[in-house]
Amino acid sequence: MVIEWLTLQLFLYFPEDKSEYLPAGLWLLLFVLFTYFTYKWIVRVSKRQAEETKKLEEEILNRKDTHS
């Protein structure tokens, strides 16, 4: 029981000066924004690729119909 408490004390740090939370908050905000914009970019690229694939599929089907 005492060993668990001592182990937690090594990893938990709650500063007296709350301004020490500011850099961590800014980094968290930065990573959240980066994640959001990366997600939006991936969705946009995925939609574009789906449209290109659909056009290519229609083109192949049209060629197949004209040759048959």
N, C-alpha and C. Protein backbone atom coordinates (compact mmCIF):
# COMPACT_ATOMS: atom_id res chain seq x y z
N MET A 1 0.83 -1.19 0.00
CA MET A 1 0.00 0.00 0.00
C MET A 1 0.88 1.26 0.00
N VAL A 2 1.88 1.28 0.84
CA VAL A 2 2.78 2.43 0.92
C VAL A 2 3.59 2.56 -0.35
N ILE A 3 3.99 1.43 -0.91
CA ILE A 3 4.78 1.45 -2.15
C ILE A 3 3.96 2.04 -3.29
N GLU A 4 2.65 1.67 -3.36
CA GLU A 4 1.78 2.23 -4.40
C GLU A 4 1.67 3.75 -4.23
N TRP A 5 1.50 4.21 -3.01
CA TRP A 5 1.37 5.64 -2.75
C TRP A 5 2.65 6.38 -3.16
N LEU A 6 3.79 5.82 -2.82
CA LEU A 6 5.06 6.44 -3.18
C LEU A 6 5.26 6.46 -4.69
N THR A 7 4.84 5.40 -5.36
CA THR A 7 4.96 5.34 -6.81
C THR A 7 4.10 6.42 -7.46
N LEU A 8 2.89 6.60 -6.97
CA LEU A 8 2.02 7.64 -7.52
C LEU A 8 2.59 9.03 -7.26
N GLN A 9 3.21 9.22 -6.14
CA GLN A 9 3.80 10.52 -5.82
C GLN A 9 4.94 10.87 -6.77
N LEU A 10 5.60 9.86 -7.32
CA LEU A 10 6.67 10.12 -8.28
C LEU A 10 6.14 10.67 -9.60
N PHE A 11 4.95 10.23 -10.01
CA PHE A 11 4.43 10.58 -11.33
C PHE A 11 3.40 11.70 -11.29
N LEU A 12 2.77 11.95 -10.16
CA LEU A 12 1.78 13.01 -10.06
C LEU A 12 2.44 14.28 -9.52
N TYR A 13 2.22 15.36 -10.24
CA TYR A 13 2.80 16.62 -9.82
C TYR A 13 1.74 17.70 -10.00
N PHE A 14 1.34 18.32 -8.94
CA PHE A 14 0.37 19.40 -8.99
C PHE A 14 1.07 20.66 -8.48
N PRO A 15 1.44 21.55 -9.40
CA PRO A 15 2.22 22.73 -8.99
C PRO A 15 1.40 23.72 -8.16
N GLU A 16 2.08 24.38 -7.28
CA GLU A 16 1.44 25.44 -6.50
C GLU A 16 1.11 26.63 -7.39
N ASP A 17 2.04 26.94 -8.30
CA ASP A 17 1.85 28.06 -9.22
C ASP A 17 1.07 27.54 -10.43
N LYS A 18 -0.18 27.94 -10.55
CA LYS A 18 -1.05 27.41 -11.61
C LYS A 18 -0.65 27.91 -13.00
N SER A 19 0.23 28.88 -13.08
CA SER A 19 0.67 29.35 -14.40
C SER A 19 1.53 28.30 -15.10
N GLU A 20 1.97 27.30 -14.37
CA GLU A 20 2.74 26.21 -14.99
C GLU A 20 1.85 25.34 -15.88
N TYR A 21 0.54 25.46 -15.73
CA TYR A 21 -0.37 24.72 -16.60
C TYR A 21 -0.49 25.35 -17.98
N LEU A 22 -0.15 26.62 -18.11
CA LEU A 22 -0.33 27.35 -19.37
C LEU A 22 0.44 26.73 -20.54
N PRO A 23 1.72 26.43 -20.44
CA PRO A 23 2.41 25.82 -21.58
C PRO A 23 1.78 24.48 -21.99
N ALA A 24 1.40 23.69 -21.02
CA ALA A 24 0.77 22.39 -21.34
C ALA A 24 -0.56 22.61 -22.05
N GLY A 25 -1.31 23.59 -21.61
CA GLY A 25 -2.59 23.89 -22.25
C GLY A 25 -2.40 24.38 -23.68
N LEU A 26 -1.38 25.20 -23.88
CA LEU A 26 -1.11 25.70 -25.23
C LEU A 26 -0.68 24.57 -26.16
N TRP A 27 0.17 23.68 -25.66
CA TRP A 27 0.60 22.53 -26.47
C TRP A 27 -0.59 21.63 -26.79
N LEU A 28 -1.46 21.42 -25.81
CA LEU A 28 -2.65 20.61 -26.04
C LEU A 28 -3.53 21.25 -27.11
N LEU A 29 -3.75 22.55 -27.02
CA LEU A 29 -4.54 23.25 -28.02
C LEU A 29 -3.91 23.14 -29.40
N LEU A 30 -2.61 23.30 -29.46
CA LEU A 30 -1.90 23.18 -30.73
C LEU A 30 -2.10 21.80 -31.35
N PHE A 31 -1.94 20.74 -30.57
CA PHE A 31 -2.09 19.39 -31.09
C PHE A 31 -3.54 19.08 -31.46
N VAL A 32 -4.50 19.60 -30.71
CA VAL A 32 -5.90 19.39 -31.05
C VAL A 32 -6.22 20.07 -32.38
N LEU A 33 -5.74 21.30 -32.56
CA LEU A 33 -5.97 22.00 -33.83
C LEU A 33 -5.29 21.28 -34.99
N PHE A 34 -4.06 20.84 -34.77
CA PHE A 34 -3.35 20.10 -35.81
C PHE A 34 -4.10 18.82 -36.18
N THR A 35 -4.61 18.12 -35.18
CA THR A 35 -5.37 16.90 -35.41
C THR A 35 -6.65 17.20 -36.20
N TYR A 36 -7.34 18.26 -35.84
CA TYR A 36 -8.58 18.64 -36.52
C TYR A 36 -8.31 18.95 -38.00
N PHE A 37 -7.30 19.78 -38.26
CA PHE A 37 -7.01 20.14 -39.65
C PHE A 37 -6.50 18.95 -40.45
N THR A 38 -5.76 18.06 -39.82
CA THR A 38 -5.31 16.84 -40.49
C THR A 38 -6.51 15.96 -40.84
N TYR A 39 -7.44 15.83 -39.92
CA TYR A 39 -8.66 15.04 -40.17
C TYR A 39 -9.44 15.62 -41.34
N LYS A 40 -9.64 16.94 -41.34
CA LYS A 40 -10.39 17.58 -42.43
C LYS A 40 -9.67 17.39 -43.77
N TRP A 41 -8.35 17.48 -43.77
CA TRP A 41 -7.58 17.28 -45.00
C TRP A 41 -7.74 15.85 -45.52
N ILE A 42 -7.68 14.87 -44.61
CA ILE A 42 -7.84 13.47 -45.01
C ILE A 42 -9.23 13.23 -45.59
N VAL A 43 -10.25 13.80 -44.97
CA VAL A 43 -11.62 13.64 -45.49
C VAL A 43 -11.74 14.26 -46.87
N ARG A 44 -11.17 15.44 -47.06
CA ARG A 44 -11.25 16.12 -48.37
C ARG A 44 -10.53 15.30 -49.44
N VAL A 45 -9.35 14.80 -49.15
CA VAL A 45 -8.60 13.99 -50.11
C VAL A 45 -9.36 12.70 -50.41
N SER A 46 -9.95 12.11 -49.39
CA SER A 46 -10.71 10.86 -49.57
C SER A 46 -11.91 11.09 -50.48
N LYS A 47 -12.63 12.19 -50.29
CA LYS A 47 -13.78 12.49 -51.16
C LYS A 47 -13.33 12.69 -52.60
N ARG A 48 -12.23 13.41 -52.78
CA ARG A 48 -11.71 13.64 -54.13
C ARG A 48 -11.33 12.32 -54.79
N GLN A 49 -10.68 11.45 -54.05
CA GLN A 49 -10.29 10.15 -54.60
C GLN A 49 -11.52 9.30 -54.92
N ALA A 50 -12.55 9.38 -54.09
CA ALA A 50 -13.78 8.62 -54.35
C ALA A 50 -14.45 9.12 -55.63
N GLU A 51 -14.47 10.44 -55.85
CA GLU A 51 -15.05 10.99 -57.07
C GLU A 51 -14.25 10.56 -58.29
N GLU A 52 -12.94 10.61 -58.20
CA GLU A 52 -12.10 10.18 -59.32
C GLU A 52 -12.29 8.70 -59.63
N THR A 53 -12.42 7.89 -58.59
CA THR A 53 -12.65 6.46 -58.78
C THR A 53 -13.99 6.20 -59.43
N LYS A 54 -15.00 6.96 -59.01
CA LYS A 54 -16.34 6.80 -59.60
C LYS A 54 -16.32 7.17 -61.08
N LYS A 55 -15.65 8.27 -61.42
CA LYS A 55 -15.54 8.66 -62.82
C LYS A 55 -14.81 7.61 -63.64
N LEU A 56 -13.73 7.08 -63.09
CA LEU A 56 -12.97 6.05 -63.78
C LEU A 56 -13.81 4.79 -63.96
N GLU A 57 -14.56 4.43 -62.96
CA GLU A 57 -15.42 3.25 -63.05
C GLU A 57 -16.48 3.44 -64.13
N GLU A 58 -17.10 4.63 -64.18
CA GLU A 58 -18.11 4.90 -65.20
C GLU A 58 -17.48 4.86 -66.60
N GLU A 59 -16.28 5.41 -66.72
CA GLU A 59 -15.58 5.40 -68.00
C GLU A 59 -15.30 3.97 -68.45
N ILE A 60 -14.86 3.13 -67.55
CA ILE A 60 -14.56 1.73 -67.89
C ILE A 60 -15.85 1.01 -68.28
N LEU A 61 -16.92 1.25 -67.54
CA LEU A 61 -18.19 0.60 -67.87
C LEU A 61 -18.71 1.07 -69.22
N ASN A 62 -18.54 2.36 -69.54
CA ASN A 62 -18.99 2.88 -70.83
C ASN A 62 -18.17 2.26 -71.96
N ARG A 63 -16.88 2.09 -71.76
CA ARG A 63 -16.04 1.45 -72.78
C ARG A 63 -16.47 0.00 -72.99
N LYS A 64 -16.76 -0.67 -71.88
CA LYS A 64 -17.15 -2.06 -71.95
C LYS A 64 -18.47 -2.20 -72.72
N ASP A 65 -19.42 -1.28 -72.48
CA ASP A 65 -20.71 -1.31 -73.16
C ASP A 65 -20.57 -1.03 -74.66
N THR A 66 -19.69 -0.12 -75.04
CA THR A 66 -19.52 0.22 -76.45
C THR A 66 -18.80 -0.88 -77.22
N HIS A 67 -17.96 -1.64 -76.57
CA HIS A 67 -17.21 -2.71 -77.23
C HIS A 67 -18.03 -4.00 -77.32
N SER A 68 -19.05 -4.12 -76.53
CA SER A 68 -19.84 -5.37 -76.53
C SER A 68 -20.85 -5.41 -77.64
